[in-house]
Amino acid sequence: MTVFETERLLARRPRLSDADAFFDMFTDAQTCRDDGGYPPYTQKDETFLRDFDSLFEDYDGRFFLEEKQGGQLIGVMHLMPTDVPRRLEIGYVIHRAYRNRGYATEAAGGLMRWIRQRDMADEISASAYLFNGASQRVIEKLGFVPTGETEAPGTEYAARVYRKLL
């Protein structure tokens, strides 16, 4: 089921038929590092199956990004509640083969329009690891402003926190 779309992308709920593409996306060590520092998948074992099955739990904030032309799964986005009323957090992962094409910016912009249309939040937050300059540039291009906060300061996974009013 399509949740929202942009010029080049469909944002939709995960499907069982996405297993191979999901596996392929998260076999890349750099993708897994950029997304949180977990090990990449090396086989479709119990860990993979448990993780993939968890995508279908009662959680409405996960979207798979499908390229309209060709129908390829190119990324995953999430929308999560925060402890602040009317503030949501967004995040994204783009398959390594599809980076540097503006997909993250396009998808996050589409998600923010979708949130605004439904009056779901007044503010959006996002964070990017300090080592991930590309993600920081996407967030800043979308008009997010650094808050001055850092998550996990002093660690390899220190992340700059951003916010944007809708």
N, C-alpha and C. Protein backbone atom coordinates (compact mmCIF):
# COMPACT_ATOMS: atom_id res chain seq x y z
N MET A 1 0.83 -1.18 0.00
CA MET A 1 0.00 0.00 0.00
C MET A 1 0.88 1.25 0.00
N THR A 2 0.66 2.14 -0.95
CA THR A 2 1.42 3.38 -1.03
C THR A 2 0.91 4.35 0.02
N VAL A 3 1.83 4.92 0.76
CA VAL A 3 1.49 5.89 1.81
C VAL A 3 1.57 7.30 1.25
N PHE A 4 2.68 7.59 0.56
CA PHE A 4 2.81 8.87 -0.13
C PHE A 4 3.77 8.65 -1.29
N GLU A 5 3.77 9.61 -2.21
CA GLU A 5 4.70 9.51 -3.32
C GLU A 5 5.32 10.85 -3.62
N THR A 6 6.47 10.78 -4.27
CA THR A 6 7.17 11.97 -4.73
C THR A 6 7.33 11.84 -6.23
N GLU A 7 8.07 12.71 -6.82
CA GLU A 7 8.25 12.66 -8.27
C GLU A 7 8.80 11.31 -8.73
N ARG A 8 9.79 10.77 -8.01
CA ARG A 8 10.45 9.54 -8.45
C ARG A 8 10.23 8.34 -7.54
N LEU A 9 9.58 8.54 -6.39
CA LEU A 9 9.52 7.49 -5.39
C LEU A 9 8.10 7.21 -4.90
N LEU A 10 7.89 5.95 -4.52
CA LEU A 10 6.71 5.56 -3.77
C LEU A 10 7.18 5.20 -2.36
N ALA A 11 6.53 5.73 -1.37
CA ALA A 11 6.78 5.35 0.02
C ALA A 11 5.63 4.43 0.39
N ARG A 12 5.97 3.22 0.78
CA ARG A 12 4.93 2.22 1.01
C ARG A 12 5.29 1.36 2.21
N ARG A 13 4.32 0.56 2.61
CA ARG A 13 4.53 -0.39 3.69
C ARG A 13 5.41 -1.55 3.17
N PRO A 14 6.17 -2.18 4.06
CA PRO A 14 6.97 -3.34 3.65
C PRO A 14 6.09 -4.48 3.16
N ARG A 15 6.66 -5.28 2.29
CA ARG A 15 5.99 -6.48 1.77
C ARG A 15 6.90 -7.69 1.99
N LEU A 16 6.32 -8.85 2.10
CA LEU A 16 7.12 -10.07 2.22
C LEU A 16 8.06 -10.23 1.03
N SER A 17 7.63 -9.78 -0.14
CA SER A 17 8.44 -9.91 -1.35
C SER A 17 9.66 -8.99 -1.33
N ASP A 18 9.79 -8.15 -0.32
CA ASP A 18 10.95 -7.25 -0.20
C ASP A 18 12.16 -7.91 0.45
N ALA A 19 12.03 -9.15 0.88
CA ALA A 19 13.10 -9.79 1.67
C ALA A 19 14.45 -9.77 0.96
N ASP A 20 14.49 -10.12 -0.32
CA ASP A 20 15.78 -10.17 -1.03
C ASP A 20 16.41 -8.79 -1.14
N ALA A 21 15.61 -7.79 -1.49
CA ALA A 21 16.13 -6.42 -1.64
C ALA A 21 16.57 -5.86 -0.28
N PHE A 22 15.81 -6.16 0.77
CA PHE A 22 16.17 -5.72 2.12
C PHE A 22 17.50 -6.35 2.53
N PHE A 23 17.64 -7.64 2.28
CA PHE A 23 18.88 -8.34 2.58
C PHE A 23 20.04 -7.69 1.83
N ASP A 24 19.87 -7.45 0.55
CA ASP A 24 20.92 -6.85 -0.28
C ASP A 24 21.33 -5.48 0.27
N MET A 25 20.37 -4.68 0.67
CA MET A 25 20.67 -3.34 1.17
C MET A 25 21.54 -3.40 2.42
N PHE A 26 21.25 -4.36 3.30
CA PHE A 26 21.93 -4.40 4.59
C PHE A 26 23.02 -5.46 4.66
N THR A 27 23.55 -5.85 3.50
CA THR A 27 24.78 -6.64 3.47
C THR A 27 25.99 -5.73 3.32
N ASP A 28 25.73 -4.46 3.09
CA ASP A 28 26.80 -3.47 2.90
C ASP A 28 27.27 -2.94 4.25
N ALA A 29 28.54 -3.13 4.56
CA ALA A 29 29.09 -2.73 5.87
C ALA A 29 28.97 -1.23 6.10
N GLN A 30 29.20 -0.41 5.07
CA GLN A 30 29.12 1.04 5.26
C GLN A 30 27.68 1.48 5.54
N THR A 31 26.72 0.88 4.86
CA THR A 31 25.32 1.19 5.12
C THR A 31 24.98 0.89 6.57
N CYS A 32 25.40 -0.27 7.05
CA CYS A 32 25.10 -0.66 8.43
C CYS A 32 25.82 0.24 9.43
N ARG A 33 27.02 0.66 9.12
CA ARG A 33 27.74 1.60 10.01
C ARG A 33 26.99 2.93 10.04
N ASP A 34 26.63 3.44 8.86
CA ASP A 34 25.94 4.73 8.77
C ASP A 34 24.58 4.71 9.48
N ASP A 35 23.97 3.54 9.57
CA ASP A 35 22.64 3.43 10.16
C ASP A 35 22.66 3.08 11.65
N GLY A 36 23.83 2.85 12.21
CA GLY A 36 23.85 2.59 13.65
C GLY A 36 24.94 1.68 14.14
N GLY A 37 25.80 1.22 13.24
CA GLY A 37 26.95 0.47 13.68
C GLY A 37 26.72 -1.00 13.95
N TYR A 38 25.69 -1.57 13.37
CA TYR A 38 25.44 -3.00 13.56
C TYR A 38 26.12 -3.78 12.43
N PRO A 39 26.34 -5.07 12.65
CA PRO A 39 27.02 -5.86 11.61
C PRO A 39 26.10 -6.10 10.41
N PRO A 40 26.70 -6.13 9.22
CA PRO A 40 25.89 -6.42 8.03
C PRO A 40 25.46 -7.89 8.02
N TYR A 41 24.39 -8.16 7.31
CA TYR A 41 23.97 -9.53 7.13
C TYR A 41 24.95 -10.23 6.20
N THR A 42 25.22 -11.48 6.49
CA THR A 42 26.07 -12.29 5.62
C THR A 42 25.30 -13.49 5.06
N GLN A 43 24.17 -13.80 5.69
CA GLN A 43 23.32 -14.87 5.20
C GLN A 43 21.90 -14.66 5.71
N LYS A 44 20.97 -15.31 5.07
CA LYS A 44 19.56 -15.20 5.47
C LYS A 44 19.31 -16.22 6.59
N ASP A 45 19.85 -15.89 7.75
CA ASP A 45 19.76 -16.78 8.90
C ASP A 45 18.66 -16.32 9.85
N GLU A 46 18.67 -16.86 11.07
CA GLU A 46 17.65 -16.50 12.06
C GLU A 46 17.65 -15.02 12.38
N THR A 47 18.82 -14.43 12.46
CA THR A 47 18.91 -12.99 12.77
C THR A 47 18.22 -12.19 11.68
N PHE A 48 18.55 -12.48 10.43
CA PHE A 48 17.90 -11.77 9.33
C PHE A 48 16.39 -11.97 9.35
N LEU A 49 15.96 -13.21 9.47
CA LEU A 49 14.53 -13.49 9.45
C LEU A 49 13.80 -12.80 10.60
N ARG A 50 14.41 -12.77 11.79
CA ARG A 50 13.80 -12.08 12.93
C ARG A 50 13.69 -10.58 12.64
N ASP A 51 14.77 -10.01 12.13
CA ASP A 51 14.76 -8.57 11.82
C ASP A 51 13.74 -8.25 10.73
N PHE A 52 13.72 -9.05 9.69
CA PHE A 52 12.78 -8.78 8.60
C PHE A 52 11.34 -8.96 9.09
N ASP A 53 11.07 -10.00 9.85
CA ASP A 53 9.73 -10.22 10.39
C ASP A 53 9.29 -9.07 11.28
N SER A 54 10.23 -8.45 11.98
CA SER A 54 9.87 -7.34 12.89
C SER A 54 9.33 -6.14 12.12
N LEU A 55 9.61 -6.07 10.84
CA LEU A 55 9.11 -4.95 10.03
C LEU A 55 7.59 -4.97 9.91
N PHE A 56 6.99 -6.10 10.20
CA PHE A 56 5.55 -6.26 10.02
C PHE A 56 4.78 -6.18 11.33
N GLU A 57 5.49 -5.86 12.41
CA GLU A 57 4.81 -5.70 13.69
C GLU A 57 3.95 -4.44 13.65
N ASP A 58 3.16 -4.23 14.66
CA ASP A 58 2.24 -3.09 14.71
C ASP A 58 3.00 -1.78 14.86
N TYR A 59 3.54 -1.31 13.76
CA TYR A 59 4.28 -0.06 13.75
C TYR A 59 4.01 0.62 12.42
N ASP A 60 3.33 1.75 12.47
CA ASP A 60 2.93 2.43 11.24
C ASP A 60 3.97 3.42 10.73
N GLY A 61 5.10 3.52 11.39
CA GLY A 61 6.06 4.55 11.04
C GLY A 61 7.22 4.10 10.19
N ARG A 62 7.12 2.96 9.55
CA ARG A 62 8.22 2.49 8.70
C ARG A 62 7.74 2.44 7.26
N PHE A 63 8.54 3.02 6.38
CA PHE A 63 8.17 3.11 4.97
C PHE A 63 9.32 2.59 4.12
N PHE A 64 9.01 1.78 3.13
CA PHE A 64 9.99 1.35 2.16
C PHE A 64 9.90 2.30 0.98
N LEU A 65 11.04 2.63 0.45
CA LEU A 65 11.12 3.57 -0.68
C LEU A 65 11.38 2.79 -1.96
N GLU A 66 10.45 2.90 -2.87
CA GLU A 66 10.53 2.19 -4.14
C GLU A 66 10.67 3.20 -5.27
N GLU A 67 11.62 2.95 -6.13
CA GLU A 67 11.81 3.80 -7.30
C GLU A 67 10.64 3.54 -8.26
N LYS A 68 9.94 4.60 -8.65
CA LYS A 68 8.79 4.42 -9.54
C LYS A 68 9.20 3.76 -10.85
N GLN A 69 10.28 4.27 -11.42
CA GLN A 69 10.76 3.71 -12.68
C GLN A 69 11.62 2.50 -12.35
N GLY A 70 11.16 1.33 -12.64
CA GLY A 70 11.92 0.12 -12.37
C GLY A 70 11.45 -0.66 -11.16
N GLY A 71 10.78 -0.01 -10.22
CA GLY A 71 10.22 -0.71 -9.07
C GLY A 71 11.23 -1.24 -8.07
N GLN A 72 12.45 -0.73 -8.08
CA GLN A 72 13.48 -1.21 -7.16
C GLN A 72 13.29 -0.62 -5.76
N LEU A 73 13.53 -1.43 -4.73
CA LEU A 73 13.57 -0.95 -3.36
C LEU A 73 14.90 -0.24 -3.18
N ILE A 74 14.84 1.07 -2.87
CA ILE A 74 16.09 1.84 -2.79
C ILE A 74 16.36 2.37 -1.40
N GLY A 75 15.43 2.20 -0.47
CA GLY A 75 15.68 2.71 0.87
C GLY A 75 14.55 2.42 1.84
N VAL A 76 14.80 2.83 3.06
CA VAL A 76 13.86 2.66 4.16
C VAL A 76 13.82 3.97 4.94
N MET A 77 12.64 4.37 5.36
CA MET A 77 12.48 5.57 6.21
C MET A 77 11.72 5.17 7.45
N HIS A 78 11.93 5.96 8.51
CA HIS A 78 11.10 5.75 9.70
C HIS A 78 10.61 7.09 10.24
N LEU A 79 9.50 7.02 10.91
CA LEU A 79 8.87 8.15 11.56
C LEU A 79 8.54 7.66 12.97
N MET A 80 9.13 8.32 13.97
CA MET A 80 8.98 7.83 15.34
C MET A 80 8.49 8.94 16.26
N PRO A 81 7.68 8.57 17.24
CA PRO A 81 7.29 9.56 18.24
C PRO A 81 8.50 9.91 19.12
N THR A 82 8.45 11.05 19.74
CA THR A 82 9.48 11.46 20.70
C THR A 82 8.80 11.68 22.04
N ASP A 83 9.57 12.06 23.02
CA ASP A 83 8.98 12.33 24.34
C ASP A 83 8.41 13.74 24.43
N VAL A 84 8.48 14.50 23.34
CA VAL A 84 7.94 15.86 23.30
C VAL A 84 6.64 15.83 22.48
N PRO A 85 5.54 16.31 23.05
CA PRO A 85 4.28 16.32 22.29
C PRO A 85 4.42 17.10 20.98
N ARG A 86 3.81 16.56 19.94
CA ARG A 86 3.75 17.18 18.60
C ARG A 86 5.13 17.30 17.94
N ARG A 87 6.09 16.51 18.41
CA ARG A 87 7.40 16.41 17.74
C ARG A 87 7.60 14.96 17.32
N LEU A 88 7.94 14.76 16.05
CA LEU A 88 8.26 13.44 15.52
C LEU A 88 9.71 13.42 15.06
N GLU A 89 10.28 12.25 15.01
CA GLU A 89 11.66 12.08 14.52
C GLU A 89 11.62 11.31 13.21
N ILE A 90 12.42 11.74 12.25
CA ILE A 90 12.53 11.01 10.99
C ILE A 90 13.95 10.48 10.83
N GLY A 91 14.06 9.42 10.07
CA GLY A 91 15.36 8.84 9.73
C GLY A 91 15.23 8.11 8.41
N TYR A 92 16.36 7.82 7.80
CA TYR A 92 16.34 7.18 6.49
C TYR A 92 17.63 6.42 6.25
N VAL A 93 17.54 5.43 5.38
CA VAL A 93 18.68 4.67 4.88
C VAL A 93 18.45 4.51 3.39
N ILE A 94 19.44 4.86 2.61
CA ILE A 94 19.36 4.69 1.16
C ILE A 94 20.38 3.62 0.75
N HIS A 95 19.94 2.68 -0.07
CA HIS A 95 20.82 1.63 -0.59
C HIS A 95 22.05 2.29 -1.21
N ARG A 96 23.20 1.72 -0.95
CA ARG A 96 24.45 2.31 -1.41
C ARG A 96 24.45 2.57 -2.93
N ALA A 97 23.86 1.70 -3.70
CA ALA A 97 23.84 1.85 -5.16
C ALA A 97 22.99 3.03 -5.63
N TYR A 98 22.17 3.59 -4.74
CA TYR A 98 21.25 4.66 -5.14
C TYR A 98 21.58 6.00 -4.46
N ARG A 99 22.71 6.09 -3.81
CA ARG A 99 23.08 7.33 -3.13
C ARG A 99 23.57 8.37 -4.14
N ASN A 100 23.60 9.59 -3.67
CA ASN A 100 24.07 10.74 -4.47
C ASN A 100 23.19 11.01 -5.68
N ARG A 101 21.90 10.71 -5.55
CA ARG A 101 20.93 11.00 -6.61
C ARG A 101 19.79 11.87 -6.10
N GLY A 102 19.89 12.31 -4.84
CA GLY A 102 18.86 13.16 -4.27
C GLY A 102 17.67 12.42 -3.70
N TYR A 103 17.74 11.10 -3.62
CA TYR A 103 16.60 10.32 -3.12
C TYR A 103 16.31 10.58 -1.65
N ALA A 104 17.33 10.71 -0.82
CA ALA A 104 17.09 10.95 0.62
C ALA A 104 16.38 12.28 0.81
N THR A 105 16.84 13.31 0.12
CA THR A 105 16.23 14.63 0.22
C THR A 105 14.78 14.59 -0.27
N GLU A 106 14.57 13.93 -1.41
CA GLU A 106 13.23 13.83 -1.99
C GLU A 106 12.29 13.07 -1.05
N ALA A 107 12.75 11.95 -0.53
CA ALA A 107 11.90 11.12 0.34
C ALA A 107 11.58 11.84 1.65
N ALA A 108 12.58 12.43 2.29
CA ALA A 108 12.34 13.13 3.56
C ALA A 108 11.43 14.34 3.34
N GLY A 109 11.62 15.04 2.23
CA GLY A 109 10.73 16.16 1.92
C GLY A 109 9.29 15.68 1.72
N GLY A 110 9.11 14.56 1.03
CA GLY A 110 7.78 13.99 0.84
C GLY A 110 7.16 13.56 2.15
N LEU A 111 7.96 12.98 3.03
CA LEU A 111 7.45 12.56 4.33
C LEU A 111 7.01 13.77 5.16
N MET A 112 7.78 14.85 5.11
CA MET A 112 7.40 16.05 5.87
C MET A 112 6.12 16.67 5.33
N ARG A 113 5.93 16.66 4.01
CA ARG A 113 4.67 17.17 3.44
C ARG A 113 3.50 16.30 3.91
N TRP A 114 3.70 14.98 3.91
CA TRP A 114 2.68 14.05 4.35
C TRP A 114 2.31 14.31 5.82
N ILE A 115 3.29 14.55 6.66
CA ILE A 115 3.07 14.87 8.08
C ILE A 115 2.27 16.16 8.22
N ARG A 116 2.68 17.17 7.45
CA ARG A 116 2.00 18.48 7.49
C ARG A 116 0.55 18.36 7.06
N GLN A 117 0.30 17.64 5.98
CA GLN A 117 -1.06 17.47 5.46
C GLN A 117 -1.98 16.81 6.48
N ARG A 118 -1.44 15.99 7.33
CA ARG A 118 -2.23 15.28 8.34
C ARG A 118 -2.17 15.95 9.71
N ASP A 119 -1.50 17.09 9.78
CA ASP A 119 -1.35 17.84 11.04
C ASP A 119 -0.91 16.91 12.17
N MET A 120 0.11 16.12 11.90
CA MET A 120 0.60 15.13 12.86
C MET A 120 1.63 15.71 13.83
N ALA A 121 2.25 16.82 13.47
CA ALA A 121 3.31 17.37 14.31
C ALA A 121 3.50 18.84 13.99
N ASP A 122 4.11 19.54 14.95
CA ASP A 122 4.51 20.93 14.75
C ASP A 122 6.00 21.04 14.49
N GLU A 123 6.72 19.98 14.83
CA GLU A 123 8.18 20.00 14.75
C GLU A 123 8.69 18.60 14.41
N ILE A 124 9.77 18.57 13.64
CA ILE A 124 10.41 17.33 13.25
C ILE A 124 11.85 17.38 13.74
N SER A 125 12.34 16.25 14.24
CA SER A 125 13.75 16.16 14.60
C SER A 125 14.41 15.10 13.75
N ALA A 126 15.71 15.22 13.63
CA ALA A 126 16.53 14.24 12.90
C ALA A 126 17.92 14.32 13.50
N SER A 127 18.68 13.29 13.32
CA SER A 127 20.07 13.32 13.78
C SER A 127 20.95 12.65 12.74
N ALA A 128 22.21 13.01 12.75
CA ALA A 128 23.18 12.43 11.82
C ALA A 128 24.50 12.25 12.55
N TYR A 129 25.10 11.09 12.36
CA TYR A 129 26.41 10.85 12.96
C TYR A 129 27.41 11.88 12.46
N LEU A 130 28.30 12.29 13.33
CA LEU A 130 29.28 13.30 12.95
C LEU A 130 30.15 12.83 11.79
N PHE A 131 30.37 11.52 11.68
CA PHE A 131 31.19 11.01 10.56
C PHE A 131 30.40 10.95 9.26
N ASN A 132 29.08 11.17 9.29
CA ASN A 132 28.25 11.02 8.09
C ASN A 132 27.88 12.40 7.53
N GLY A 133 28.84 13.01 6.87
CA GLY A 133 28.63 14.34 6.30
C GLY A 133 27.52 14.37 5.27
N ALA A 134 27.36 13.30 4.50
CA ALA A 134 26.31 13.28 3.47
C ALA A 134 24.93 13.40 4.12
N SER A 135 24.71 12.68 5.21
CA SER A 135 23.42 12.75 5.89
C SER A 135 23.20 14.14 6.50
N GLN A 136 24.24 14.71 7.05
CA GLN A 136 24.12 16.06 7.60
C GLN A 136 23.74 17.06 6.51
N ARG A 137 24.32 16.92 5.32
CA ARG A 137 24.00 17.83 4.22
C ARG A 137 22.54 17.68 3.78
N VAL A 138 22.04 16.45 3.75
CA VAL A 138 20.63 16.22 3.39
C VAL A 138 19.73 16.94 4.40
N ILE A 139 19.98 16.72 5.66
CA ILE A 139 19.16 17.31 6.73
C ILE A 139 19.20 18.84 6.64
N GLU A 140 20.38 19.39 6.45
CA GLU A 140 20.50 20.85 6.36
C GLU A 140 19.82 21.39 5.10
N LYS A 141 19.92 20.66 3.99
CA LYS A 141 19.27 21.08 2.74
C LYS A 141 17.75 21.17 2.92
N LEU A 142 17.21 20.34 3.79
CA LEU A 142 15.77 20.32 4.06
C LEU A 142 15.34 21.41 5.03
N GLY A 143 16.28 22.23 5.49
CA GLY A 143 15.95 23.35 6.36
C GLY A 143 15.99 23.05 7.85
N PHE A 144 16.52 21.89 8.22
CA PHE A 144 16.70 21.59 9.64
C PHE A 144 17.84 22.44 10.19
N VAL A 145 17.75 22.77 11.46
CA VAL A 145 18.75 23.60 12.13
C VAL A 145 19.36 22.79 13.26
N PRO A 146 20.70 22.81 13.39
CA PRO A 146 21.31 22.10 14.51
C PRO A 146 20.87 22.71 15.84
N THR A 147 20.59 21.85 16.80
CA THR A 147 20.12 22.32 18.11
C THR A 147 21.27 22.63 19.06
N GLY A 148 22.47 22.19 18.71
CA GLY A 148 23.61 22.29 19.62
C GLY A 148 23.75 21.05 20.49
N GLU A 149 22.74 20.18 20.44
CA GLU A 149 22.79 18.92 21.20
C GLU A 149 23.56 17.86 20.41
N THR A 150 24.20 16.99 21.15
CA THR A 150 24.87 15.85 20.54
C THR A 150 24.43 14.59 21.29
N GLU A 151 23.98 13.61 20.53
CA GLU A 151 23.65 12.30 21.12
C GLU A 151 24.94 11.49 21.19
N ALA A 152 25.12 10.74 22.25
CA ALA A 152 26.29 9.88 22.46
C ALA A 152 27.61 10.63 22.28
N PRO A 153 27.75 11.81 22.92
CA PRO A 153 28.98 12.58 22.76
C PRO A 153 30.21 11.79 23.22
N GLY A 154 31.32 12.02 22.54
CA GLY A 154 32.57 11.38 22.91
C GLY A 154 32.70 9.94 22.44
N THR A 155 31.72 9.46 21.67
CA THR A 155 31.80 8.09 21.15
C THR A 155 31.94 8.14 19.63
N GLU A 156 32.25 6.99 19.08
CA GLU A 156 32.33 6.89 17.61
C GLU A 156 31.01 7.26 16.95
N TYR A 157 29.90 7.02 17.67
CA TYR A 157 28.57 7.28 17.11
C TYR A 157 27.93 8.54 17.67
N ALA A 158 28.75 9.53 17.95
CA ALA A 158 28.21 10.83 18.33
C ALA A 158 27.41 11.38 17.16
N ALA A 159 26.25 11.96 17.45
CA ALA A 159 25.37 12.43 16.39
C ALA A 159 24.89 13.84 16.69
N ARG A 160 24.88 14.66 15.65
CA ARG A 160 24.35 16.02 15.75
C ARG A 160 22.83 15.95 15.65
N VAL A 161 22.14 16.69 16.52
CA VAL A 161 20.68 16.70 16.55
C VAL A 161 20.19 17.95 15.83
N TYR A 162 19.16 17.78 15.02
CA TYR A 162 18.57 18.87 14.24
C TYR A 162 17.06 18.92 14.51
N ARG A 163 16.50 20.12 14.29
CA ARG A 163 15.05 20.26 14.38
C ARG A 163 14.57 21.20 13.28
N LYS A 164 13.30 21.03 12.96
CA LYS A 164 12.65 21.90 11.96
C LYS A 164 11.20 22.07 12.35
N LEU A 165 10.75 23.33 12.37
CA LEU A 165 9.34 23.60 12.59
C LEU A 165 8.59 23.36 11.29
N LEU A 166 7.39 22.83 11.41
CA LEU A 166 6.59 22.60 10.19
C LEU A 166 5.64 23.77 9.96
